[in-house]
Amino acid sequence: MHLNKALTWFIKIWVAGVVLINAIAIVRLFVAANSFWGGLGRVKAIYNPFDVINYLIELVLLSPAIGAYIWLARRHQKDRGRQS
């Protein structure tokens, strides 16, 4: 049970860190730009829905949390199997 709690906290902290890194990146793009519209253009270029590279980088960045989530789900499944 302690490992389940630790995995849950790890997932929450890791995802929060990824969100924070993305938020800081967006703010830095706006700060480095000459104008608001220039910053918005840079953000739109990087977070473009068709930018597959960005999705892959985000997936790699989130992979420890995804792995921990899968591990936690399997532990919950084993716990339910033991109770039945």
Protein backbone atom coordinates (compact mmCIF):
# COMPACT_ATOMS: atom_id res chain seq x y z
CA MET A 1 0.00 0.00 0.00
CA HIS A 2 2.88 2.40 0.67
CA LEU A 3 4.24 1.82 -2.81
CA ASN A 4 0.83 2.63 -4.31
CA LYS A 5 0.78 5.93 -2.45
CA ALA A 6 4.36 6.71 -3.53
CA LEU A 7 3.54 5.92 -7.16
CA THR A 8 0.47 8.15 -7.02
CA TRP A 9 2.50 11.05 -5.66
CA PHE A 10 5.26 10.45 -8.20
CA ILE A 11 2.74 10.64 -11.04
CA LYS A 12 1.17 13.84 -9.70
CA ILE A 13 4.52 15.55 -9.13
CA TRP A 14 5.92 14.48 -12.51
CA VAL A 15 2.86 15.67 -14.47
CA ALA A 16 2.83 18.94 -12.51
CA GLY A 17 6.51 19.39 -13.38
CA VAL A 18 5.84 18.84 -17.07
CA VAL A 19 2.97 21.34 -17.00
CA LEU A 20 5.18 23.84 -15.16
CA ILE A 21 8.00 23.41 -17.70
CA ASN A 22 5.55 24.04 -20.56
CA ALA A 23 4.11 27.11 -18.81
CA ILE A 24 7.60 28.53 -18.24
CA ALA A 25 8.47 27.88 -21.89
CA ILE A 26 5.37 29.76 -23.05
CA VAL A 27 6.13 32.72 -20.78
CA ARG A 28 9.73 32.81 -22.01
CA LEU A 29 8.55 32.82 -25.62
CA PHE A 30 6.39 35.87 -24.91
CA VAL A 31 9.13 37.64 -22.95
CA ALA A 32 11.74 37.06 -25.67
CA ALA A 33 9.45 38.34 -28.44
CA ASN A 34 9.31 41.95 -29.60
CA SER A 35 5.55 42.18 -29.20
CA PHE A 36 2.56 40.23 -27.93
CA TRP A 37 1.69 39.12 -31.45
CA GLY A 38 5.26 38.03 -32.10
CA GLY A 39 5.16 35.92 -28.92
CA LEU A 40 1.80 34.49 -29.86
CA GLY A 41 3.14 33.57 -33.29
CA ARG A 42 6.10 31.76 -31.72
CA VAL A 43 3.84 29.88 -29.30
CA LYS A 44 1.50 28.91 -32.14
CA ALA A 45 4.46 27.70 -34.21
CA ILE A 46 5.81 25.47 -31.42
CA TYR A 47 2.48 24.19 -30.08
CA ASN A 48 1.05 23.65 -33.56
CA PRO A 49 -1.32 20.64 -33.60
CA PHE A 50 0.48 19.30 -36.67
CA ASP A 51 3.94 19.47 -35.05
CA VAL A 52 4.54 15.76 -34.50
CA ILE A 53 8.02 16.35 -33.06
CA ASN A 54 6.53 18.37 -30.20
CA TYR A 55 4.08 15.55 -29.41
CA LEU A 56 6.92 13.03 -29.38
CA ILE A 57 9.00 15.21 -27.06
CA GLU A 58 6.04 15.61 -24.70
CA LEU A 59 5.48 11.86 -24.78
CA VAL A 60 9.11 11.19 -23.89
CA LEU A 61 8.92 13.79 -21.14
CA LEU A 62 5.77 12.18 -19.71
CA SER A 63 6.95 8.58 -20.14
CA PRO A 64 8.10 8.10 -16.52
CA ALA A 65 4.66 9.16 -15.28
CA ILE A 66 2.95 6.94 -17.86
CA GLY A 67 5.10 3.99 -16.81
CA ALA A 68 4.32 4.61 -13.14
CA TYR A 69 0.60 4.84 -13.97
CA ILE A 70 0.69 1.49 -15.78
CA TRP A 71 2.59 -0.06 -12.87
CA LEU A 72 0.06 1.36 -10.39
CA ALA A 73 -2.86 0.04 -12.46
CA ARG A 74 -1.33 -3.45 -12.50
CA ARG A 75 -0.79 -3.32 -8.74
CA HIS A 76 -4.45 -2.34 -8.24
CA GLN A 77 -5.51 -5.19 -10.52
CA LYS A 78 -3.45 -7.70 -8.49
CA ASP A 79 -4.89 -6.34 -5.24
CA ARG A 80 -8.44 -6.85 -6.55
CA GLY A 81 -7.55 -10.40 -7.62
CA ARG A 82 -6.32 -11.25 -4.13
CA GLN A 83 -9.47 -9.91 -2.49
CA SER A 84 -11.85 -11.97 -4.65
